[in-house]
Amino acid sequence: MSEEMPTACKKLRLGETYQGKQGFSYFEGIARETTGARGICMHMLRIPPGGRAKAHMHASHETAIYVIEGSAIMYWGERLEHLMETNAGDLIYIPAGVPHLPINNSAAEAVAIIARTDPHEQESVVLLPELEALVAR
């Protein structure tokens, strides 16, 4: 049985949030559940100062991030061996299956728009608790 394609444009406003498996609260955005999207989702994320995600990967979807405000760091790689600094105005690409762990180590909130190629957003999130100790608190 195939799912029906959406036939109407929809407009949303940021309002409700949901708790992601990664440990952050996300503003509900464009997803299959809110708009009927079939191949994409887009959400806003606000990371408070000192906020840290759980080590995770998105098993089957790519992620694109645009940092609107603030700065954060992201550890990434099979053993979280790489470090990327991100600042307002940066665009970040995370391939499917790449472990990562973002941290806001600044004194100000970091704000980003996140788009993924999975319309359900949380379904292919895989937590990687065995990598948590590789990044100092």
N, C-alpha and C. Protein backbone atom coordinates (compact mmCIF):
# COMPACT_ATOMS: atom_id res chain seq x y z
N MET A 1 0.84 -1.19 0.00
CA MET A 1 0.00 0.00 0.00
C MET A 1 0.89 1.25 0.00
N SER A 2 0.74 2.12 -0.95
CA SER A 2 1.56 3.33 -1.00
C SER A 2 0.86 4.47 -0.26
N GLU A 3 1.71 5.33 0.31
CA GLU A 3 1.18 6.48 1.02
C GLU A 3 0.83 7.57 0.04
N GLU A 4 -0.19 8.30 0.35
CA GLU A 4 -0.63 9.37 -0.52
C GLU A 4 0.29 10.57 -0.40
N MET A 5 0.63 11.18 -1.52
CA MET A 5 1.46 12.38 -1.54
C MET A 5 0.64 13.57 -1.04
N PRO A 6 1.27 14.46 -0.25
CA PRO A 6 0.57 15.68 0.14
C PRO A 6 0.22 16.49 -1.11
N THR A 7 -0.92 17.14 -1.09
CA THR A 7 -1.35 17.92 -2.25
C THR A 7 -1.53 19.40 -1.94
N ALA A 8 -1.22 19.79 -0.71
CA ALA A 8 -1.39 21.19 -0.33
C ALA A 8 -0.12 21.71 0.34
N CYS A 9 0.19 22.97 0.10
CA CYS A 9 1.29 23.63 0.80
C CYS A 9 0.82 23.90 2.23
N LYS A 10 1.76 23.87 3.17
CA LYS A 10 1.40 24.11 4.57
C LYS A 10 2.39 25.07 5.19
N LYS A 11 1.91 25.85 6.14
CA LYS A 11 2.75 26.79 6.87
C LYS A 11 2.66 26.45 8.35
N LEU A 12 3.82 26.41 9.01
CA LEU A 12 3.87 26.14 10.44
C LEU A 12 4.54 27.30 11.15
N ARG A 13 4.28 27.43 12.44
CA ARG A 13 4.98 28.39 13.27
C ARG A 13 5.60 27.62 14.41
N LEU A 14 6.79 28.07 14.82
CA LEU A 14 7.44 27.39 15.94
C LEU A 14 6.57 27.52 17.17
N GLY A 15 6.42 26.44 17.88
CA GLY A 15 5.60 26.46 19.09
C GLY A 15 5.97 25.31 20.00
N GLU A 16 5.32 24.18 19.80
CA GLU A 16 5.55 23.01 20.64
C GLU A 16 6.96 22.46 20.44
N THR A 17 7.48 21.84 21.48
CA THR A 17 8.77 21.17 21.38
C THR A 17 8.59 19.69 21.67
N TYR A 18 9.59 18.91 21.29
CA TYR A 18 9.59 17.49 21.65
C TYR A 18 11.00 17.12 22.08
N GLN A 19 11.10 16.11 22.93
CA GLN A 19 12.38 15.66 23.42
C GLN A 19 12.97 14.64 22.45
N GLY A 20 14.11 14.96 21.87
CA GLY A 20 14.78 14.05 20.96
C GLY A 20 15.58 13.00 21.72
N LYS A 21 15.78 11.86 21.11
CA LYS A 21 16.59 10.80 21.71
C LYS A 21 18.00 11.28 22.04
N GLN A 22 18.47 12.28 21.27
CA GLN A 22 19.82 12.78 21.41
C GLN A 22 20.04 13.57 22.70
N GLY A 23 18.95 13.92 23.40
CA GLY A 23 19.09 14.65 24.66
C GLY A 23 18.73 16.12 24.58
N PHE A 24 18.32 16.62 23.43
CA PHE A 24 17.93 18.01 23.28
C PHE A 24 16.43 18.10 23.03
N SER A 25 15.86 19.29 23.32
CA SER A 25 14.48 19.58 22.94
C SER A 25 14.51 20.29 21.59
N TYR A 26 13.68 19.84 20.67
CA TYR A 26 13.59 20.42 19.34
C TYR A 26 12.23 21.09 19.18
N PHE A 27 12.20 22.21 18.44
CA PHE A 27 10.91 22.81 18.09
C PHE A 27 10.29 21.98 16.99
N GLU A 28 9.03 21.61 17.19
CA GLU A 28 8.32 20.83 16.18
C GLU A 28 8.34 21.61 14.87
N GLY A 29 8.65 20.93 13.80
CA GLY A 29 8.76 21.60 12.51
C GLY A 29 8.15 20.77 11.41
N ILE A 30 8.78 20.83 10.26
CA ILE A 30 8.28 20.10 9.10
C ILE A 30 8.71 18.65 9.21
N ALA A 31 7.74 17.75 9.19
CA ALA A 31 7.99 16.31 9.30
C ALA A 31 6.76 15.59 8.76
N ARG A 32 6.87 14.31 8.62
CA ARG A 32 5.72 13.53 8.16
C ARG A 32 4.53 13.76 9.08
N GLU A 33 4.80 13.78 10.39
CA GLU A 33 3.72 13.90 11.37
C GLU A 33 3.00 15.24 11.31
N THR A 34 3.69 16.32 10.93
CA THR A 34 3.07 17.65 10.94
C THR A 34 2.57 18.10 9.58
N THR A 35 3.20 17.63 8.50
CA THR A 35 2.84 18.13 7.17
C THR A 35 2.57 17.04 6.15
N GLY A 36 2.90 15.80 6.49
CA GLY A 36 2.80 14.72 5.52
C GLY A 36 4.04 14.59 4.65
N ALA A 37 5.13 15.31 5.00
CA ALA A 37 6.37 15.25 4.21
C ALA A 37 6.81 13.81 4.01
N ARG A 38 7.37 13.54 2.85
CA ARG A 38 7.77 12.17 2.54
C ARG A 38 9.27 11.95 2.49
N GLY A 39 10.06 13.01 2.36
CA GLY A 39 11.49 12.78 2.21
C GLY A 39 12.38 13.76 2.95
N ILE A 40 11.79 14.61 3.79
CA ILE A 40 12.59 15.63 4.46
C ILE A 40 11.93 16.01 5.78
N CYS A 41 12.74 16.49 6.70
CA CYS A 41 12.20 17.15 7.90
C CYS A 41 13.08 18.36 8.19
N MET A 42 12.56 19.33 8.90
CA MET A 42 13.30 20.52 9.26
C MET A 42 12.81 21.02 10.60
N HIS A 43 13.75 21.28 11.50
CA HIS A 43 13.42 21.71 12.85
C HIS A 43 14.39 22.80 13.29
N MET A 44 14.01 23.51 14.35
CA MET A 44 14.91 24.46 14.98
C MET A 44 15.37 23.86 16.30
N LEU A 45 16.65 24.05 16.58
CA LEU A 45 17.24 23.57 17.82
C LEU A 45 17.88 24.73 18.55
N ARG A 46 17.59 24.84 19.83
CA ARG A 46 18.25 25.82 20.70
C ARG A 46 19.03 25.02 21.73
N ILE A 47 20.35 25.24 21.79
CA ILE A 47 21.19 24.52 22.76
C ILE A 47 21.62 25.52 23.82
N PRO A 48 21.23 25.30 25.07
CA PRO A 48 21.61 26.23 26.13
C PRO A 48 23.11 26.16 26.41
N PRO A 49 23.67 27.19 27.05
CA PRO A 49 25.08 27.14 27.43
C PRO A 49 25.35 25.86 28.23
N GLY A 50 26.40 25.16 27.88
CA GLY A 50 26.74 23.92 28.57
C GLY A 50 25.96 22.71 28.08
N GLY A 51 25.02 22.89 27.16
CA GLY A 51 24.21 21.78 26.66
C GLY A 51 25.05 20.79 25.87
N ARG A 52 24.77 19.53 26.06
CA ARG A 52 25.53 18.46 25.41
C ARG A 52 24.57 17.36 24.97
N ALA A 53 24.69 16.94 23.72
CA ALA A 53 23.88 15.83 23.22
C ALA A 53 24.50 14.51 23.68
N LYS A 54 23.75 13.45 23.49
CA LYS A 54 24.29 12.10 23.67
C LYS A 54 24.99 11.73 22.37
N ALA A 55 26.03 10.92 22.46
CA ALA A 55 26.70 10.44 21.25
C ALA A 55 25.67 9.64 20.45
N HIS A 56 25.60 9.91 19.14
CA HIS A 56 24.60 9.25 18.31
C HIS A 56 24.99 9.33 16.84
N MET A 57 24.23 8.65 16.03
CA MET A 57 24.32 8.79 14.58
C MET A 57 22.92 8.63 14.02
N HIS A 58 22.76 9.05 12.79
CA HIS A 58 21.51 8.88 12.07
C HIS A 58 21.80 7.80 11.03
N ALA A 59 21.31 6.61 11.29
CA ALA A 59 21.71 5.42 10.54
C ALA A 59 21.47 5.54 9.05
N SER A 60 20.38 6.15 8.65
CA SER A 60 20.05 6.10 7.23
C SER A 60 19.69 7.45 6.64
N HIS A 61 20.01 8.53 7.32
CA HIS A 61 19.72 9.82 6.68
C HIS A 61 20.81 10.86 6.90
N GLU A 62 20.91 11.75 5.93
CA GLU A 62 21.87 12.83 5.97
C GLU A 62 21.29 14.00 6.75
N THR A 63 22.18 14.84 7.27
CA THR A 63 21.76 16.00 8.04
C THR A 63 22.47 17.24 7.51
N ALA A 64 21.71 18.33 7.38
CA ALA A 64 22.27 19.64 7.03
C ALA A 64 21.89 20.59 8.16
N ILE A 65 22.85 21.38 8.61
CA ILE A 65 22.63 22.30 9.73
C ILE A 65 23.07 23.69 9.33
N TYR A 66 22.26 24.69 9.67
CA TYR A 66 22.65 26.09 9.50
C TYR A 66 22.63 26.72 10.88
N VAL A 67 23.80 27.21 11.32
CA VAL A 67 23.91 27.84 12.64
C VAL A 67 23.47 29.29 12.51
N ILE A 68 22.40 29.63 13.22
CA ILE A 68 21.85 30.98 13.15
C ILE A 68 22.51 31.91 14.16
N GLU A 69 22.67 31.42 15.39
CA GLU A 69 23.22 32.23 16.48
C GLU A 69 24.18 31.39 17.30
N GLY A 70 25.17 32.05 17.88
CA GLY A 70 26.04 31.40 18.84
C GLY A 70 27.09 30.51 18.20
N SER A 71 27.66 29.67 19.05
CA SER A 71 28.70 28.75 18.60
C SER A 71 28.60 27.46 19.40
N ALA A 72 29.17 26.42 18.85
CA ALA A 72 29.20 25.11 19.51
C ALA A 72 30.35 24.32 18.89
N ILE A 73 30.65 23.19 19.49
CA ILE A 73 31.63 22.29 18.91
C ILE A 73 30.94 20.96 18.65
N MET A 74 31.51 20.20 17.73
CA MET A 74 30.95 18.88 17.44
C MET A 74 32.09 17.89 17.28
N TYR A 75 32.07 16.86 18.11
CA TYR A 75 32.97 15.75 17.93
C TYR A 75 32.32 14.79 16.95
N TRP A 76 33.12 14.23 16.05
CA TRP A 76 32.55 13.32 15.06
C TRP A 76 33.60 12.30 14.63
N GLY A 77 33.13 11.19 14.06
CA GLY A 77 34.00 10.13 13.59
C GLY A 77 33.70 8.84 14.34
N GLU A 78 34.27 7.75 13.87
CA GLU A 78 34.00 6.43 14.47
C GLU A 78 34.27 6.39 15.97
N ARG A 79 35.29 7.14 16.43
CA ARG A 79 35.63 7.19 17.86
C ARG A 79 35.54 8.64 18.35
N LEU A 80 34.74 9.45 17.66
CA LEU A 80 34.59 10.88 17.97
C LEU A 80 35.95 11.56 18.03
N GLU A 81 36.83 11.16 17.11
CA GLU A 81 38.22 11.63 17.12
C GLU A 81 38.41 12.98 16.44
N HIS A 82 37.42 13.47 15.71
CA HIS A 82 37.53 14.76 15.02
C HIS A 82 36.74 15.82 15.80
N LEU A 83 37.21 17.05 15.73
CA LEU A 83 36.54 18.17 16.38
C LEU A 83 36.27 19.26 15.36
N MET A 84 35.01 19.72 15.30
CA MET A 84 34.63 20.81 14.41
C MET A 84 34.05 21.95 15.25
N GLU A 85 34.61 23.15 15.07
CA GLU A 85 34.04 24.32 15.72
C GLU A 85 33.01 24.92 14.78
N THR A 86 31.86 25.32 15.31
CA THR A 86 30.82 25.91 14.48
C THR A 86 30.41 27.26 15.05
N ASN A 87 30.11 28.19 14.16
CA ASN A 87 29.71 29.54 14.55
C ASN A 87 28.55 30.00 13.69
N ALA A 88 27.88 31.06 14.13
CA ALA A 88 26.77 31.63 13.36
C ALA A 88 27.22 31.85 11.93
N GLY A 89 26.38 31.42 10.98
CA GLY A 89 26.68 31.56 9.57
C GLY A 89 27.26 30.31 8.94
N ASP A 90 27.66 29.33 9.76
CA ASP A 90 28.23 28.09 9.22
C ASP A 90 27.14 27.14 8.76
N LEU A 91 27.44 26.41 7.69
CA LEU A 91 26.61 25.31 7.19
C LEU A 91 27.38 24.02 7.45
N ILE A 92 26.74 23.03 8.03
CA ILE A 92 27.39 21.76 8.38
C ILE A 92 26.65 20.63 7.70
N TYR A 93 27.40 19.68 7.16
CA TYR A 93 26.83 18.48 6.56
C TYR A 93 27.31 17.28 7.35
N ILE A 94 26.39 16.39 7.72
CA ILE A 94 26.73 15.14 8.42
C ILE A 94 26.19 13.99 7.58
N PRO A 95 27.08 13.16 7.04
CA PRO A 95 26.61 12.01 6.25
C PRO A 95 25.87 11.00 7.12
N ALA A 96 25.04 10.19 6.51
CA ALA A 96 24.36 9.11 7.23
C ALA A 96 25.41 8.18 7.83
N GLY A 97 25.13 7.69 9.04
CA GLY A 97 25.99 6.70 9.68
C GLY A 97 27.24 7.23 10.35
N VAL A 98 27.41 8.56 10.43
CA VAL A 98 28.61 9.13 11.07
C VAL A 98 28.29 9.49 12.52
N PRO A 99 28.97 8.86 13.49
CA PRO A 99 28.76 9.22 14.90
C PRO A 99 29.16 10.68 15.15
N HIS A 100 28.38 11.35 15.98
CA HIS A 100 28.69 12.73 16.34
C HIS A 100 28.10 13.08 17.69
N LEU A 101 28.65 14.16 18.28
CA LEU A 101 28.22 14.61 19.61
C LEU A 101 28.45 16.12 19.69
N PRO A 102 27.39 16.93 19.58
CA PRO A 102 27.55 18.39 19.69
C PRO A 102 27.48 18.86 21.15
N ILE A 103 28.23 19.92 21.41
CA ILE A 103 28.28 20.53 22.75
C ILE A 103 28.30 22.04 22.58
N ASN A 104 27.50 22.73 23.37
CA ASN A 104 27.59 24.19 23.42
C ASN A 104 28.47 24.53 24.61
N ASN A 105 29.73 24.82 24.36
CA ASN A 105 30.65 25.13 25.44
C ASN A 105 30.82 26.63 25.63
N SER A 106 29.92 27.42 25.07
CA SER A 106 29.99 28.87 25.21
C SER A 106 29.03 29.34 26.31
N ALA A 107 29.08 30.63 26.59
CA ALA A 107 28.22 31.22 27.62
C ALA A 107 26.88 31.68 27.06
N ALA A 108 26.68 31.53 25.74
CA ALA A 108 25.43 31.99 25.11
C ALA A 108 24.73 30.81 24.45
N GLU A 109 23.44 30.95 24.27
CA GLU A 109 22.64 29.92 23.59
C GLU A 109 23.10 29.81 22.13
N ALA A 110 23.08 28.59 21.61
CA ALA A 110 23.34 28.35 20.19
C ALA A 110 22.00 27.98 19.54
N VAL A 111 21.75 28.51 18.35
CA VAL A 111 20.49 28.26 17.65
C VAL A 111 20.80 27.80 16.24
N ALA A 112 20.14 26.71 15.81
CA ALA A 112 20.40 26.17 14.48
C ALA A 112 19.12 25.65 13.85
N ILE A 113 19.09 25.67 12.53
CA ILE A 113 18.05 25.01 11.75
C ILE A 113 18.65 23.71 11.26
N ILE A 114 17.91 22.62 11.44
CA ILE A 114 18.38 21.30 11.07
C ILE A 114 17.42 20.69 10.05
N ALA A 115 17.97 20.20 8.95
CA ALA A 115 17.16 19.51 7.94
C ALA A 115 17.74 18.11 7.75
N ARG A 116 16.86 17.12 7.64
CA ARG A 116 17.29 15.73 7.46
C ARG A 116 16.50 15.08 6.34
N THR A 117 17.09 14.04 5.78
CA THR A 117 16.44 13.34 4.68
C THR A 117 15.52 12.22 5.16
N ASP A 118 15.15 12.22 6.42
CA ASP A 118 14.19 11.27 6.99
C ASP A 118 12.99 12.07 7.47
N PRO A 119 11.83 11.88 6.89
CA PRO A 119 10.69 12.71 7.29
C PRO A 119 10.24 12.47 8.72
N HIS A 120 10.64 11.36 9.32
CA HIS A 120 10.25 11.08 10.71
C HIS A 120 11.26 11.59 11.73
N GLU A 121 12.39 12.10 11.33
CA GLU A 121 13.42 12.72 12.14
C GLU A 121 14.04 11.80 13.17
N GLN A 122 13.27 11.20 14.05
CA GLN A 122 13.84 10.42 15.15
C GLN A 122 13.96 8.92 14.87
N GLU A 123 13.38 8.44 13.78
CA GLU A 123 13.32 7.00 13.59
C GLU A 123 14.66 6.34 13.33
N SER A 124 15.60 7.02 12.69
CA SER A 124 16.88 6.35 12.45
C SER A 124 17.99 6.87 13.38
N VAL A 125 17.61 7.52 14.49
CA VAL A 125 18.59 7.94 15.48
C VAL A 125 19.06 6.71 16.24
N VAL A 126 20.37 6.50 16.28
CA VAL A 126 20.96 5.38 17.01
C VAL A 126 21.86 5.96 18.08
N LEU A 127 21.52 5.74 19.35
CA LEU A 127 22.37 6.21 20.45
C LEU A 127 23.60 5.33 20.54
N LEU A 128 24.72 5.95 20.89
CA LEU A 128 26.00 5.25 20.98
C LEU A 128 26.63 5.47 22.35
N PRO A 129 26.03 4.92 23.41
CA PRO A 129 26.52 5.17 24.77
C PRO A 129 27.97 4.73 24.99
N GLU A 130 28.44 3.76 24.20
CA GLU A 130 29.82 3.30 24.34
C GLU A 130 30.84 4.37 23.95
N LEU A 131 30.39 5.43 23.26
CA LEU A 131 31.29 6.52 22.86
C LEU A 131 31.27 7.70 23.84
N GLU A 132 30.32 7.73 24.76
CA GLU A 132 30.16 8.88 25.67
C GLU A 132 31.44 9.23 26.41
N ALA A 133 32.14 8.25 26.94
CA ALA A 133 33.33 8.50 27.76
C ALA A 133 34.51 9.02 26.95
N LEU A 134 34.43 8.96 25.62
CA LEU A 134 35.53 9.44 24.79
C LEU A 134 35.61 10.96 24.75
N VAL A 135 34.53 11.63 25.16
CA VAL A 135 34.50 13.10 25.16
C VAL A 135 34.35 13.56 26.61
N ALA A 136 35.34 14.30 27.09
CA ALA A 136 35.32 14.80 28.47
C ALA A 136 34.12 15.69 28.72
N ARG A 137 33.61 15.65 29.90
CA ARG A 137 32.47 16.51 30.26
C ARG A 137 32.87 17.90 30.47
